[in-house]
């Protein structure tokens, strides 16, 4: 199965910045489990998580939110 768009985006952006995913998590003050839950669509992330990741990845939080909501199935 292909990686989710947000997972690909976070991995690519971290790579561009020369950061490991562990370092991204440390700087964003989130656990690896939180990052995994976000990238696997296990649950919607807290706004604090999105903002923290956006700051570390040097992107606008709305970019990450767009990727999150693109993956949410419509009911």
N, C-alpha and C. Protein backbone atom coordinates (compact mmCIF):
# COMPACT_ATOMS: atom_id res chain seq x y z
N UNK A 1 0.84 -1.18 0.00
CA UNK A 1 0.00 0.00 0.00
C UNK A 1 0.89 1.24 0.00
N UNK A 2 0.48 2.27 -0.73
CA UNK A 2 1.24 3.51 -0.81
C UNK A 2 1.13 4.30 0.49
N UNK A 3 2.17 5.06 0.76
CA UNK A 3 2.15 5.94 1.92
C UNK A 3 1.13 7.05 1.70
N UNK A 4 0.55 7.52 2.78
CA UNK A 4 -0.43 8.59 2.69
C UNK A 4 0.24 9.88 2.23
N UNK A 5 -0.53 10.79 1.63
CA UNK A 5 0.05 12.07 1.18
C UNK A 5 0.71 12.85 2.32
N UNK A 6 0.11 12.85 3.49
CA UNK A 6 0.72 13.62 4.58
C UNK A 6 2.01 12.96 5.06
N UNK A 7 2.04 11.64 5.04
CA UNK A 7 3.26 10.94 5.44
C UNK A 7 4.38 11.27 4.46
N UNK A 8 4.08 11.19 3.16
CA UNK A 8 5.07 11.52 2.15
C UNK A 8 5.54 12.97 2.30
N UNK A 9 4.59 13.86 2.53
CA UNK A 9 4.92 15.28 2.65
C UNK A 9 5.85 15.53 3.83
N UNK A 10 5.52 14.98 4.98
CA UNK A 10 6.34 15.17 6.18
C UNK A 10 7.73 14.58 5.98
N UNK A 11 7.79 13.39 5.43
CA UNK A 11 9.09 12.75 5.20
C UNK A 11 9.93 13.55 4.21
N UNK A 12 9.32 14.01 3.12
CA UNK A 12 10.05 14.79 2.12
C UNK A 12 10.53 16.12 2.67
N UNK A 13 9.64 16.80 3.40
CA UNK A 13 10.00 18.11 3.96
C UNK A 13 11.10 17.96 5.01
N UNK A 14 11.01 16.95 5.85
CA UNK A 14 12.05 16.71 6.85
C UNK A 14 13.38 16.44 6.16
N UNK A 15 13.34 15.65 5.10
CA UNK A 15 14.55 15.35 4.33
C UNK A 15 15.15 16.61 3.73
N UNK A 16 14.30 17.48 3.17
CA UNK A 16 14.77 18.75 2.60
C UNK A 16 15.50 19.59 3.65
N UNK A 17 15.01 19.53 4.89
CA UNK A 17 15.59 20.31 5.97
C UNK A 17 16.73 19.58 6.67
N UNK A 18 17.01 18.35 6.24
CA UNK A 18 18.09 17.58 6.84
C UNK A 18 17.76 17.07 8.23
N UNK A 19 16.48 16.79 8.47
CA UNK A 19 16.03 16.33 9.78
C UNK A 19 15.52 14.89 9.71
N UNK A 20 15.82 14.12 10.73
CA UNK A 20 15.23 12.80 10.86
C UNK A 20 13.81 12.97 11.41
N UNK A 21 13.00 11.96 11.27
CA UNK A 21 11.65 12.03 11.84
C UNK A 21 11.71 12.11 13.36
N UNK A 22 12.69 11.46 13.95
CA UNK A 22 12.85 11.56 15.41
C UNK A 22 13.15 12.99 15.82
N UNK A 23 13.98 13.66 15.04
CA UNK A 23 14.32 15.05 15.34
C UNK A 23 13.12 15.97 15.13
N UNK A 24 12.34 15.70 14.10
CA UNK A 24 11.11 16.47 13.86
C UNK A 24 10.19 16.34 15.08
N UNK A 25 10.01 15.12 15.55
CA UNK A 25 9.15 14.89 16.71
C UNK A 25 9.69 15.60 17.95
N UNK A 26 10.99 15.50 18.16
CA UNK A 26 11.59 16.15 19.33
C UNK A 26 11.37 17.65 19.29
N UNK A 27 11.63 18.26 18.14
CA UNK A 27 11.47 19.71 18.00
C UNK A 27 10.02 20.16 18.09
N UNK A 28 9.12 19.32 17.61
CA UNK A 28 7.68 19.64 17.66
C UNK A 28 7.06 19.27 19.00
N UNK A 29 7.86 18.63 19.85
CA UNK A 29 7.40 18.21 21.18
C UNK A 29 6.23 17.23 21.10
N UNK A 30 6.36 16.27 20.18
CA UNK A 30 5.37 15.21 20.05
C UNK A 30 6.08 13.86 20.08
N UNK A 31 5.34 12.82 20.38
CA UNK A 31 5.92 11.47 20.39
C UNK A 31 5.93 10.90 18.98
N UNK A 32 6.76 9.88 18.79
CA UNK A 32 6.75 9.18 17.50
C UNK A 32 5.38 8.54 17.27
N UNK A 33 4.74 8.08 18.34
CA UNK A 33 3.41 7.48 18.22
C UNK A 33 2.39 8.51 17.71
N UNK A 34 2.50 9.74 18.18
CA UNK A 34 1.60 10.80 17.70
C UNK A 34 1.82 11.03 16.22
N UNK A 35 3.07 11.08 15.79
CA UNK A 35 3.37 11.25 14.37
C UNK A 35 2.83 10.07 13.57
N UNK A 36 3.03 8.87 14.08
CA UNK A 36 2.52 7.68 13.40
C UNK A 36 0.99 7.74 13.28
N UNK A 37 0.32 8.09 14.35
CA UNK A 37 -1.16 8.18 14.32
C UNK A 37 -1.62 9.20 13.28
N UNK A 38 -0.91 10.31 13.20
CA UNK A 38 -1.25 11.34 12.23
C UNK A 38 -1.05 10.84 10.80
N UNK A 39 0.09 10.24 10.54
CA UNK A 39 0.40 9.84 9.16
C UNK A 39 -0.35 8.60 8.71
N UNK A 40 -0.84 7.83 9.65
CA UNK A 40 -1.61 6.64 9.29
C UNK A 40 -3.12 6.90 9.34
N UNK A 41 -3.50 8.13 9.67
CA UNK A 41 -4.92 8.47 9.69
C UNK A 41 -5.70 7.81 10.81
N UNK A 42 -4.99 7.42 11.87
CA UNK A 42 -5.64 6.73 12.99
C UNK A 42 -6.63 7.63 13.71
N UNK A 43 -6.30 8.92 13.80
CA UNK A 43 -7.21 9.87 14.43
C UNK A 43 -6.83 11.26 13.97
N UNK A 44 -7.76 12.19 14.13
CA UNK A 44 -7.45 13.57 13.78
C UNK A 44 -6.50 14.15 14.81
N UNK A 45 -5.49 14.87 14.35
CA UNK A 45 -4.50 15.42 15.28
C UNK A 45 -5.02 16.65 16.01
N UNK A 46 -4.42 16.91 17.15
CA UNK A 46 -4.72 18.14 17.87
C UNK A 46 -4.12 19.31 17.10
N UNK A 47 -4.73 20.46 17.22
CA UNK A 47 -4.21 21.65 16.55
C UNK A 47 -2.79 21.95 17.01
N UNK A 48 -2.51 21.71 18.28
CA UNK A 48 -1.17 21.90 18.83
C UNK A 48 -0.14 21.05 18.07
N UNK A 49 -0.52 19.84 17.71
CA UNK A 49 0.35 18.95 16.96
C UNK A 49 0.63 19.51 15.57
N UNK A 50 -0.40 19.96 14.89
CA UNK A 50 -0.26 20.53 13.55
C UNK A 50 0.62 21.77 13.58
N UNK A 51 0.38 22.65 14.53
CA UNK A 51 1.15 23.89 14.62
C UNK A 51 2.61 23.58 14.94
N UNK A 52 2.85 22.65 15.86
CA UNK A 52 4.22 22.27 16.19
C UNK A 52 4.96 21.70 15.01
N UNK A 53 4.32 20.81 14.28
CA UNK A 53 4.94 20.23 13.09
C UNK A 53 5.19 21.29 12.02
N UNK A 54 4.22 22.17 11.83
CA UNK A 54 4.36 23.22 10.82
C UNK A 54 5.55 24.13 11.13
N UNK A 55 5.72 24.46 12.38
CA UNK A 55 6.86 25.30 12.78
C UNK A 55 8.18 24.60 12.47
N UNK A 56 8.29 23.34 12.83
CA UNK A 56 9.51 22.58 12.60
C UNK A 56 9.77 22.42 11.11
N UNK A 57 8.72 22.15 10.35
CA UNK A 57 8.86 21.90 8.91
C UNK A 57 8.90 23.19 8.09
N UNK A 58 8.71 24.33 8.79
CA UNK A 58 8.76 25.64 8.15
C UNK A 58 7.73 25.78 7.03
N UNK A 59 6.51 25.37 7.36
CA UNK A 59 5.39 25.51 6.43
C UNK A 59 4.21 26.11 7.19
N UNK A 60 3.23 26.59 6.46
CA UNK A 60 2.04 27.13 7.10
C UNK A 60 1.19 25.97 7.63
N UNK A 61 0.63 26.10 8.82
CA UNK A 61 -0.20 25.01 9.37
C UNK A 61 -1.35 24.59 8.46
N UNK A 62 -1.87 25.53 7.69
CA UNK A 62 -2.98 25.18 6.79
C UNK A 62 -2.57 24.16 5.74
N UNK A 63 -1.29 24.15 5.37
CA UNK A 63 -0.81 23.14 4.40
C UNK A 63 -0.96 21.75 4.98
N UNK A 64 -0.58 21.59 6.25
CA UNK A 64 -0.71 20.28 6.89
C UNK A 64 -2.17 19.93 7.12
N UNK A 65 -2.97 20.91 7.52
CA UNK A 65 -4.40 20.65 7.72
C UNK A 65 -5.07 20.21 6.42
N UNK A 66 -4.68 20.83 5.32
CA UNK A 66 -5.24 20.44 4.02
C UNK A 66 -4.95 18.98 3.74
N UNK A 67 -3.72 18.54 4.00
CA UNK A 67 -3.36 17.14 3.78
C UNK A 67 -4.13 16.21 4.71
N UNK A 68 -4.32 16.63 5.97
CA UNK A 68 -5.07 15.82 6.92
C UNK A 68 -6.50 15.66 6.45
N UNK A 69 -7.14 16.75 6.09
CA UNK A 69 -8.56 16.68 5.72
C UNK A 69 -8.78 16.07 4.35
N UNK A 70 -7.77 16.08 3.50
CA UNK A 70 -7.88 15.37 2.22
C UNK A 70 -8.00 13.86 2.44
N UNK A 71 -7.51 13.38 3.57
CA UNK A 71 -7.55 11.96 3.86
C UNK A 71 -8.76 11.51 4.65
N UNK A 72 -9.53 12.47 5.18
CA UNK A 72 -10.69 12.12 5.99
C UNK A 72 -11.81 11.68 5.06
N UNK A 73 -12.31 10.45 5.25
CA UNK A 73 -13.40 9.97 4.38
C UNK A 73 -14.68 10.75 4.63
N UNK A 74 -15.36 11.06 3.56
CA UNK A 74 -16.66 11.75 3.67
C UNK A 74 -17.72 10.72 4.05
N UNK A 75 -18.57 11.10 4.96
CA UNK A 75 -19.63 10.19 5.42
C UNK A 75 -20.97 10.64 4.93
